Amino acid sequence: MTRSLGLSALAVALLTACVAGQTGAAAGAEPRLMDSASYSQCPWRAGQAGLDQVRDASAWQQLLSQAKPSANAITAWAPQFDVQRVMVYRAGSKPSSGYGLQVQAPIADGNTLRVPVVQSQPAAGSFQATLLTSPCVVAWLQGPGTAALRVVDAKT
C-alpha cells in the first residue's frame, strides 16, 4: 500500500510539473507581435542597413536616448525583457520617398524567431520626392527562449 501511494504521489507530482511547464511555456513562448512603428527616415543610424536587437532594460533606455523626436511612437512601450525583445530593422538608403517596411507576426522556427517583413517601394512610374530616405521598422516582439532572430522577406 505504501509503495502504490508513493508511485501515485510521484505520478501526480510529474503530471503537475508537466502541466505547469506546458502552461508556462505556452503562455510565455507564444511568438507574438506586440506593436511596431515604421519610419520613412530612420531615427537610428539612418542610411545603414542592418538589424539591432534590444534584449534588456539598459539597452532599451540607450535606444530611446539615441532616438530623434520622430520616434515618440515607441516611448510608451514597456517590454518585459524576460519574455520579450525589441528589434530595429533598417533597410539602408533609398533614392526617393515611397519606400517602407512593415512587420508581420513572428514565427517560432526551432531555436530561431523568424520575423517576416514586407518591404514596399514606389509603384513604377509614380511621382515621388527625390531625396534620400532611410526606412526602418521597430518591433516589440514576444518570443522568449529563442537564441536567434532572423528577418525574412514576407513575400517568400
Protein backbone atom coordinates (compact mmCIF):
# COMPACT_ATOMS: atom_id res chain seq x y z
CA MET A 1 0.00 0.00 0.00
CA THR A 2 2.80 2.41 0.88
CA ARG A 3 4.55 1.62 -2.40
CA SER A 4 1.46 2.35 -4.51
CA LEU A 5 0.87 5.62 -2.64
CA GLY A 6 4.46 6.57 -3.28
CA LEU A 7 4.11 5.85 -7.00
CA SER A 8 0.78 7.68 -7.12
CA ALA A 9 2.31 10.71 -5.43
CA LEU A 10 5.21 10.59 -7.89
CA ALA A 11 2.81 10.35 -10.85
CA VAL A 12 0.77 13.30 -9.54
CA ALA A 13 3.96 15.34 -9.00
CA LEU A 14 5.21 14.57 -12.51
CA LEU A 15 1.83 15.31 -14.07
CA THR A 16 1.59 18.60 -12.16
CA ALA A 17 5.10 19.58 -13.28
CA CYS A 18 4.29 18.74 -16.91
CA VAL A 19 1.04 20.71 -16.89
CA ALA A 20 2.73 23.68 -15.17
CA GLY A 21 5.61 23.51 -17.62
CA GLN A 22 3.27 23.44 -20.61
CA THR A 23 1.17 26.29 -19.29
CA GLY A 24 4.20 28.44 -18.53
CA ALA A 25 5.92 27.64 -21.80
CA ALA A 26 2.79 28.15 -23.88
CA ALA A 27 1.93 31.42 -22.15
CA GLY A 28 5.43 32.85 -22.42
CA ALA A 29 6.82 31.26 -25.58
CA GLU A 30 3.99 32.01 -27.98
CA PRO A 31 5.51 34.24 -30.67
CA ARG A 32 3.60 37.49 -30.94
CA LEU A 33 3.96 40.95 -32.41
CA MET A 34 3.14 43.27 -29.51
CA ASP A 35 3.45 46.52 -31.52
CA SER A 36 5.50 48.11 -34.27
CA ALA A 37 6.34 51.52 -35.68
CA SER A 38 7.58 52.27 -39.19
CA TYR A 39 9.65 55.27 -40.19
CA SER A 40 10.50 56.60 -43.66
CA GLN A 41 13.54 58.32 -42.16
CA CYS A 42 15.05 56.05 -39.51
CA PRO A 43 15.71 57.79 -36.17
CA TRP A 44 18.70 55.46 -35.54
CA ARG A 45 21.78 55.13 -37.74
CA ALA A 46 19.98 56.37 -40.83
CA GLY A 47 21.43 55.11 -44.07
CA GLN A 48 22.90 51.94 -42.57
CA ALA A 49 21.15 48.67 -43.36
CA GLY A 50 21.00 46.14 -40.56
CA LEU A 51 19.28 44.59 -37.58
CA ASP A 52 19.68 45.60 -33.95
CA GLN A 53 18.19 43.70 -31.02
CA VAL A 54 17.32 45.15 -27.65
CA ARG A 55 17.29 42.42 -25.00
CA ASP A 56 17.44 44.31 -21.69
CA ALA A 57 16.22 47.47 -19.97
CA SER A 58 19.60 49.19 -20.18
CA ALA A 59 19.82 48.73 -23.97
CA TRP A 60 16.18 49.87 -24.24
CA GLN A 61 16.96 53.12 -22.40
CA GLN A 62 20.00 53.62 -24.61
CA LEU A 63 17.90 53.14 -27.76
CA LEU A 64 15.32 55.65 -26.52
CA SER A 65 18.01 58.18 -25.61
CA GLN A 66 19.53 57.97 -29.10
CA ALA A 67 16.21 58.38 -30.87
CA LYS A 68 15.24 61.52 -32.67
CA PRO A 69 11.94 63.18 -31.68
CA SER A 70 10.18 61.41 -34.55
CA ALA A 71 10.47 58.13 -32.61
CA ASN A 72 7.93 59.14 -29.97
CA ALA A 73 5.57 56.30 -31.04
CA ILE A 74 7.67 53.77 -29.10
CA THR A 75 8.27 55.70 -25.88
CA ALA A 76 5.12 54.27 -24.25
CA TRP A 77 6.18 50.67 -24.86
CA ALA A 78 7.07 48.65 -21.76
CA PRO A 79 8.81 45.47 -22.91
CA GLN A 80 9.24 42.68 -20.35
CA PHE A 81 12.70 41.53 -21.36
CA ASP A 82 12.46 38.16 -19.66
CA VAL A 83 9.92 37.13 -22.35
CA GLN A 84 10.14 39.90 -24.97
CA ARG A 85 12.58 41.89 -27.06
CA VAL A 86 12.64 44.86 -29.39
CA MET A 87 14.23 44.88 -32.83
CA VAL A 88 15.18 47.71 -35.15
CA TYR A 89 15.43 46.66 -38.79
CA ARG A 90 16.93 49.24 -41.16
CA ALA A 91 16.65 48.97 -44.96
CA GLY A 92 19.52 51.38 -45.67
CA SER A 93 19.45 54.39 -48.01
CA LYS A 94 16.81 54.61 -50.72
CA PRO A 95 16.81 57.12 -53.60
CA SER A 96 13.33 58.59 -53.06
CA SER A 97 10.26 58.66 -50.87
CA GLY A 98 7.74 55.84 -51.14
CA TYR A 99 9.83 53.06 -49.56
CA GLY A 100 8.65 51.43 -46.36
CA LEU A 101 8.82 48.41 -44.05
CA GLN A 102 6.09 46.61 -42.15
CA VAL A 103 6.48 43.73 -39.69
CA GLN A 104 4.16 40.73 -39.61
CA ALA A 105 3.62 38.23 -36.78
CA PRO A 106 6.81 36.36 -35.81
CA ILE A 107 7.11 32.59 -36.27
CA ALA A 108 8.98 30.20 -34.00
CA ASP A 109 11.32 28.00 -36.03
CA GLY A 110 13.24 25.76 -33.66
CA ASN A 111 15.60 27.99 -31.71
CA THR A 112 15.04 30.93 -34.06
CA LEU A 113 12.34 33.57 -34.14
CA ARG A 114 11.65 34.41 -37.80
CA VAL A 115 10.21 37.89 -38.33
CA PRO A 116 8.53 38.44 -41.72
CA VAL A 117 8.95 41.98 -43.06
CA VAL A 118 7.07 43.45 -46.02
CA GLN A 119 9.26 45.85 -47.96
CA SER A 120 7.26 48.30 -50.09
CA GLN A 121 8.57 50.51 -52.85
CA PRO A 122 7.06 53.18 -55.07
CA ALA A 123 4.91 51.99 -57.96
CA ALA A 124 6.63 52.10 -61.33
CA GLY A 125 6.05 55.46 -62.98
CA SER A 126 4.75 57.11 -59.82
CA PHE A 127 5.96 60.55 -58.82
CA GLN A 128 8.00 60.56 -55.61
CA ALA A 129 10.06 63.22 -53.90
CA THR A 130 13.68 62.86 -54.91
CA LEU A 131 15.56 62.72 -51.64
CA LEU A 132 17.47 60.07 -49.79
CA THR A 133 15.30 58.19 -47.34
CA SER A 134 16.24 55.52 -44.84
CA PRO A 135 13.23 53.39 -43.91
CA CYS A 136 13.21 51.27 -40.78
CA VAL A 137 10.77 49.47 -38.56
CA VAL A 138 10.88 48.96 -34.80
CA ALA A 139 9.05 45.92 -33.49
CA TRP A 140 8.19 44.83 -29.95
CA LEU A 141 8.20 41.05 -30.08
CA GLN A 142 7.33 38.24 -27.74
CA GLY A 143 9.23 35.03 -28.25
CA PRO A 144 11.36 34.02 -25.28
CA GLY A 145 13.75 31.15 -25.38
CA THR A 146 14.83 31.85 -28.92
CA ALA A 147 18.54 32.28 -29.30
CA ALA A 148 18.41 33.87 -32.74
CA LEU A 149 16.27 36.45 -34.51
CA ARG A 150 16.07 36.37 -38.29
CA VAL A 151 14.28 38.86 -40.52
CA VAL A 152 12.78 37.24 -43.62
CA ASP A 153 11.02 38.61 -46.68
CA ALA A 154 7.28 38.20 -46.04
CA LYS A 155 6.62 37.65 -49.74
CA THR A 156 8.64 34.43 -49.96
